[in-house]
Amino acid sequence: MGNAVLHSIHVHPVKAFRSTSLQEAEVEPWGLAGDRRWVLIDDGGKVVTQREQPRLALAAAEALSGGGLRLSGGDLGSVTVPVPEPTGTTTVEIFGDKVEAVLADAAAHDWCSAYLGADVRLVHMDDPAVRRPVDPDFALPGETVSFADGYPLLVTTLGSLDALNSLIAQGDRAEEGPVPMSRFRPNVVVSGTDAWAEDHWSWIAIGEVTFRVTKMCGRCIVTTTDQDTARRGKEPLRTLARHRRFGGKAMFGQNLVPETRGSLRVGDPVTVLG
């Protein structure tokens, strides 16, 4: 691990929208600053993701100063969304959790509904310090998370991606590879490790920030969605299910919980502490 470094940093201002690559990011207790603080919900309050709407991969959300957004995609032009006042709250259902969130304005709802051709609303997590606890089986009391699938950050490694793509090339859907790292929608990508080295991490430092490694990340159909076209295939989920199946789930990457605050910068050293 002497050569392991932080290769890239990614945030997703709106869950399921296109990711944004950064050179530097602040680590907050619930994740990277600006990551997945917004999400779309359907008319029943359930979160809408690329699982149901792969076209979300083509929608962009630009973070603005003050916490607002500029949404763009398709032929709709763009819409600016201010941070809503914490008055119009609603209950969001996300993977079995019930979370209070604040409704964005009508212009945001109209734009998102027109983009998807479905009735959806955009909501904002106003106070991630109290809104949604991390799974208590893998968390300490008081640890919380944004609208990420379950944990504050996701780390992947280039070494494991290379190994996975080698397996895809040997399989019966070789024409679908190699797949890029964007399929896995990580927050931090590490270079300079052996393939699957992250399987054995329990505690790491990236630059000045330390993280607890909680559990492997179980993967879903979103990994089969081309993030540049929104078209779906079978890979890499098919190969992961054959070669990286643990506890009934196809695994790639590790979930992280920050133990300290601080800044991450591309090029920071990555150290395994335990």
Protein backbone atom coordinates (compact mmCIF):
# COMPACT_ATOMS: atom_id res chain seq x y z
CA MET A 1 0.00 0.00 0.00
CA GLY A 2 3.02 2.27 -0.05
CA ASN A 3 2.03 3.60 -3.48
CA ALA A 4 -1.72 3.89 -2.90
CA VAL A 5 -3.14 7.34 -3.58
CA LEU A 6 -6.50 9.00 -3.99
CA HIS A 7 -7.06 8.84 -7.75
CA SER A 8 -10.37 10.72 -8.01
CA ILE A 9 -13.23 12.26 -6.00
CA HIS A 10 -16.90 12.23 -7.02
CA VAL A 11 -20.06 13.79 -5.62
CA HIS A 12 -23.67 13.42 -6.70
CA PRO A 13 -25.58 16.59 -5.73
CA VAL A 14 -28.87 14.86 -6.62
CA LYS A 15 -28.99 11.15 -5.94
CA ALA A 16 -29.04 9.17 -9.23
CA PHE A 17 -28.07 12.18 -11.40
CA ARG A 18 -24.74 12.36 -13.23
CA SER A 19 -21.73 12.55 -10.91
CA THR A 20 -19.40 15.52 -10.61
CA SER A 21 -15.62 15.02 -10.35
CA LEU A 22 -13.68 17.26 -7.96
CA GLN A 23 -10.04 17.87 -7.15
CA GLU A 24 -10.83 18.51 -3.48
CA ALA A 25 -13.75 17.87 -1.14
CA GLU A 26 -14.65 18.35 2.50
CA VAL A 27 -15.54 15.30 4.56
CA GLU A 28 -18.54 15.76 6.84
CA PRO A 29 -19.78 13.10 9.30
CA TRP A 30 -22.56 12.04 6.88
CA GLY A 31 -20.44 12.07 3.69
CA LEU A 32 -18.70 14.41 1.28
CA ALA A 33 -19.98 17.97 1.35
CA GLY A 34 -22.73 18.34 -1.22
CA ASP A 35 -23.15 14.62 -1.88
CA ARG A 36 -26.69 13.26 -2.24
CA ARG A 37 -28.41 15.96 -0.19
CA TRP A 38 -31.20 16.05 -2.83
CA VAL A 39 -33.34 13.25 -4.23
CA LEU A 40 -36.43 12.69 -6.37
CA ILE A 41 -39.53 11.03 -4.93
CA ASP A 42 -42.67 9.69 -6.58
CA ASP A 43 -46.24 10.59 -5.65
CA GLY A 44 -46.12 8.07 -2.81
CA GLY A 45 -42.95 9.53 -1.28
CA LYS A 46 -40.66 6.72 -2.43
CA VAL A 47 -37.18 7.59 -3.67
CA VAL A 48 -36.70 7.43 -7.46
CA THR A 49 -33.29 6.25 -8.68
CA GLN A 50 -31.67 4.82 -11.80
CA ARG A 51 -33.06 1.46 -10.79
CA GLU A 52 -36.47 2.66 -12.02
CA GLN A 53 -35.37 5.52 -14.27
CA PRO A 54 -32.03 4.88 -16.02
CA ARG A 55 -32.39 8.21 -17.89
CA LEU A 56 -31.44 9.97 -14.66
CA ALA A 57 -27.84 9.10 -15.58
CA LEU A 58 -28.02 11.82 -18.25
CA ALA A 59 -29.37 14.58 -15.99
CA ALA A 60 -26.84 17.02 -14.53
CA ALA A 61 -26.98 18.87 -11.22
CA GLU A 62 -24.52 21.70 -10.70
CA ALA A 63 -23.98 22.72 -7.07
CA LEU A 64 -24.28 26.48 -6.57
CA SER A 65 -22.92 28.64 -3.81
CA GLY A 66 -25.29 28.63 -0.87
CA GLY A 67 -26.39 25.04 -1.46
CA GLY A 68 -28.75 25.48 -4.40
CA LEU A 69 -28.64 23.65 -7.74
CA ARG A 70 -28.80 24.19 -11.46
CA LEU A 71 -30.46 21.23 -13.18
CA SER A 72 -30.04 20.50 -16.87
CA GLY A 73 -30.62 17.68 -19.31
CA GLY A 74 -32.29 16.73 -22.55
CA ASP A 75 -33.98 19.55 -24.49
CA LEU A 76 -35.44 21.25 -21.43
CA GLY A 77 -32.71 23.81 -20.84
CA SER A 78 -31.86 24.43 -17.20
CA VAL A 79 -33.62 25.44 -14.00
CA THR A 80 -32.13 27.01 -10.89
CA VAL A 81 -33.30 25.52 -7.60
CA PRO A 82 -32.75 27.46 -4.36
CA VAL A 83 -32.41 25.71 -1.02
CA PRO A 84 -36.00 25.54 0.25
CA GLU A 85 -37.11 27.02 3.54
CA PRO A 86 -37.65 24.22 6.10
CA THR A 87 -41.42 24.72 6.19
CA GLY A 88 -42.88 22.37 3.58
CA THR A 89 -41.63 19.01 4.80
CA THR A 90 -42.61 15.58 3.60
CA THR A 91 -41.76 11.98 4.47
CA VAL A 92 -39.39 10.18 2.14
CA GLU A 93 -39.11 6.39 1.96
CA ILE A 94 -35.58 5.24 1.13
CA PHE A 95 -34.74 1.54 1.37
CA GLY A 96 -37.11 1.03 4.28
CA ASP A 97 -36.09 4.20 6.15
CA LYS A 98 -38.60 6.99 6.73
CA VAL A 99 -36.83 10.34 6.49
CA GLU A 100 -38.14 13.89 6.79
CA ALA A 101 -37.10 16.18 3.92
CA VAL A 102 -38.01 19.60 2.57
CA LEU A 103 -39.85 20.06 -0.72
CA ALA A 104 -38.17 22.12 -3.43
CA ASP A 105 -40.16 24.75 -5.29
CA ALA A 106 -42.77 24.11 -7.99
CA ALA A 107 -40.38 24.98 -10.84
CA ALA A 108 -38.06 22.16 -9.76
CA HIS A 109 -40.91 19.66 -9.60
CA ASP A 110 -42.13 20.71 -13.04
CA TRP A 111 -38.67 20.43 -14.61
CA CYS A 112 -37.93 17.00 -13.12
CA SER A 113 -41.39 15.66 -14.03
CA ALA A 114 -41.04 16.90 -17.60
CA TYR A 115 -37.57 15.38 -17.89
CA LEU A 116 -38.73 11.92 -16.79
CA GLY A 117 -42.26 12.07 -18.17
CA ALA A 118 -43.46 11.06 -14.72
CA ASP A 119 -44.88 12.81 -11.67
CA VAL A 120 -41.92 13.34 -9.34
CA ARG A 121 -40.87 15.88 -6.75
CA LEU A 122 -37.43 17.10 -5.71
CA VAL A 123 -36.64 17.18 -1.98
CA HIS A 124 -33.72 18.38 0.12
CA MET A 125 -32.24 16.96 3.32
CA ASP A 126 -31.99 20.08 5.44
CA ASP A 127 -30.22 18.65 8.50
CA PRO A 128 -28.25 15.46 7.82
CA ALA A 129 -26.95 15.44 11.39
CA VAL A 130 -30.32 14.23 12.66
CA ARG A 131 -32.43 13.01 9.74
CA ARG A 132 -31.23 9.48 8.91
CA PRO A 133 -29.13 7.11 11.03
CA VAL A 134 -26.68 4.66 9.52
CA ASP A 135 -27.67 0.99 9.84
CA PRO A 136 -27.11 0.34 13.58
CA ASP A 137 -25.57 -3.06 12.80
CA PHE A 138 -22.61 -1.21 11.25
CA ALA A 139 -22.65 2.15 13.02
CA LEU A 140 -21.94 3.87 16.28
CA PRO A 141 -24.69 5.82 18.07
CA GLY A 142 -25.35 9.16 16.41
CA GLU A 143 -23.79 8.34 13.04
CA THR A 144 -25.94 9.56 10.15
CA VAL A 145 -26.02 9.48 6.37
CA SER A 146 -27.42 11.59 3.53
CA PHE A 147 -29.60 10.13 0.75
CA ALA A 148 -26.78 7.72 -0.20
CA ASP A 149 -27.88 4.08 -0.39
CA GLY A 150 -26.79 3.39 3.17
CA TYR A 151 -23.37 4.72 4.16
CA PRO A 152 -21.60 8.09 4.03
CA LEU A 153 -18.95 7.18 1.41
CA LEU A 154 -18.15 4.46 -1.08
CA VAL A 155 -14.54 3.62 -1.99
CA THR A 156 -13.45 1.59 -5.02
CA THR A 157 -10.02 0.76 -6.45
CA LEU A 158 -8.61 0.78 -9.96
CA GLY A 159 -6.86 -2.52 -9.26
CA SER A 160 -10.18 -4.25 -8.64
CA LEU A 161 -11.77 -2.64 -11.70
CA ASP A 162 -8.92 -3.94 -13.87
CA ALA A 163 -9.38 -7.42 -12.43
CA LEU A 164 -13.13 -7.29 -12.99
CA ASN A 165 -12.69 -6.18 -16.59
CA SER A 166 -10.29 -9.08 -17.17
CA LEU A 167 -12.99 -11.46 -15.94
CA ILE A 168 -15.60 -9.82 -18.17
CA ALA A 169 -13.26 -10.24 -21.17
CA GLN A 170 -13.12 -13.99 -20.44
CA GLY A 171 -16.90 -14.35 -20.13
CA ASP A 172 -19.80 -14.78 -22.54
CA ARG A 173 -20.60 -11.01 -22.68
CA ALA A 174 -17.09 -9.81 -23.45
CA GLU A 175 -18.42 -7.28 -25.94
CA GLU A 176 -19.92 -5.31 -23.03
CA GLY A 177 -16.52 -4.66 -21.47
CA PRO A 178 -14.45 -3.04 -20.33
CA VAL A 179 -16.76 -1.08 -18.01
CA PRO A 180 -15.69 2.27 -16.57
CA MET A 181 -15.64 3.13 -12.87
CA SER A 182 -18.61 5.45 -13.35
CA ARG A 183 -20.88 2.37 -13.37
CA PHE A 184 -20.23 1.99 -9.63
CA ARG A 185 -20.87 5.64 -8.68
CA PRO A 186 -18.15 5.82 -6.00
CA ASN A 187 -17.17 8.84 -3.92
CA VAL A 188 -13.45 8.07 -3.79
CA VAL A 189 -11.34 5.95 -6.12
CA VAL A 190 -7.93 4.64 -5.04
CA SER A 191 -5.03 3.68 -7.32
CA GLY A 192 -1.86 1.74 -6.51
CA THR A 193 -3.38 -1.31 -4.78
CA ASP A 194 -3.61 -4.97 -5.68
CA ALA A 195 -6.92 -6.29 -6.96
CA TRP A 196 -9.46 -6.79 -4.19
CA ALA A 197 -7.09 -5.38 -1.54
CA GLU A 198 -10.02 -3.45 -0.11
CA ASP A 199 -11.66 -6.73 0.94
CA HIS A 200 -9.25 -6.80 3.86
CA TRP A 201 -9.44 -3.19 5.04
CA SER A 202 -11.09 -2.32 8.34
CA TRP A 203 -9.67 1.16 8.96
CA ILE A 204 -7.97 3.52 6.51
CA ALA A 205 -6.66 7.07 6.24
CA ILE A 206 -6.96 9.18 3.11
CA GLY A 207 -4.71 12.16 3.59
CA GLU A 208 -5.68 13.72 6.92
CA VAL A 209 -9.04 11.94 7.29
CA THR A 210 -9.61 8.52 8.85
CA PHE A 211 -12.46 6.18 7.96
CA ARG A 212 -13.97 3.01 9.36
CA VAL A 213 -14.57 0.39 6.68
CA THR A 214 -17.99 -1.05 7.47
CA LYS A 215 -18.96 -3.62 4.85
CA MET A 216 -18.67 -4.58 1.20
CA CYS A 217 -21.06 -2.85 -1.16
CA GLY A 218 -23.73 -5.09 -2.68
CA ARG A 219 -24.36 -4.10 -6.30
CA CYS A 220 -27.60 -3.78 -8.25
CA ILE A 221 -28.91 -3.21 -11.78
CA VAL A 222 -27.59 0.37 -11.80
CA THR A 223 -24.11 -1.02 -12.56
CA THR A 224 -25.43 -2.31 -15.89
CA THR A 225 -26.51 1.20 -16.94
CA ASP A 226 -24.16 3.06 -19.28
CA GLN A 227 -23.77 6.43 -17.56
CA ASP A 228 -23.24 8.18 -20.92
CA THR A 229 -26.19 6.70 -22.84
CA ALA A 230 -28.57 5.30 -20.16
CA ARG A 231 -28.69 2.01 -22.07
CA ARG A 232 -28.54 -1.23 -20.08
CA GLY A 233 -26.75 -4.50 -20.64
CA LYS A 234 -25.84 -7.47 -18.44
CA GLU A 235 -22.35 -6.51 -17.32
CA PRO A 236 -20.70 -6.06 -14.90
CA LEU A 237 -23.41 -7.55 -12.68
CA ARG A 238 -23.31 -10.88 -14.51
CA THR A 239 -19.58 -11.34 -13.87
CA LEU A 240 -19.75 -10.01 -10.31
CA ALA A 241 -22.48 -12.55 -9.53
CA ARG A 242 -20.22 -15.35 -10.77
CA HIS A 243 -16.94 -14.30 -9.18
CA ARG A 244 -17.69 -11.82 -6.38
CA ARG A 245 -20.78 -13.25 -4.69
CA PHE A 246 -20.77 -13.11 -0.89
CA GLY A 247 -23.80 -13.57 1.35
CA GLY A 248 -26.03 -13.81 -1.71
CA LYS A 249 -24.97 -10.43 -3.12
CA ALA A 250 -22.62 -9.35 -5.91
CA MET A 251 -19.96 -7.14 -4.30
CA PHE A 252 -17.74 -4.34 -5.52
CA GLY A 253 -16.24 -1.61 -3.33
CA GLN A 254 -16.41 -0.87 0.37
CA ASN A 255 -18.66 1.40 2.42
CA LEU A 256 -16.98 3.96 4.68
CA VAL A 257 -17.96 5.97 7.75
CA PRO A 258 -15.75 8.99 8.52
CA GLU A 259 -14.11 9.04 11.93
CA THR A 260 -12.71 12.55 11.52
CA ARG A 261 -13.47 15.66 9.48
CA GLY A 262 -11.08 17.24 7.00
CA SER A 263 -10.27 17.75 3.35
CA LEU A 264 -9.56 15.17 0.67
CA ARG A 265 -7.43 16.06 -2.33
CA VAL A 266 -6.64 14.05 -5.44
CA GLY A 267 -3.16 12.63 -4.92
CA ASP A 268 -3.50 12.21 -1.15
CA PRO A 269 -1.77 9.09 0.19
CA VAL A 270 -4.00 6.21 1.26
CA THR A 271 -2.85 4.22 4.28
CA VAL A 272 -4.33 1.01 5.70
CA LEU A 273 -4.47 1.40 9.49
CA GLY A 274 -6.07 -1.92 10.30
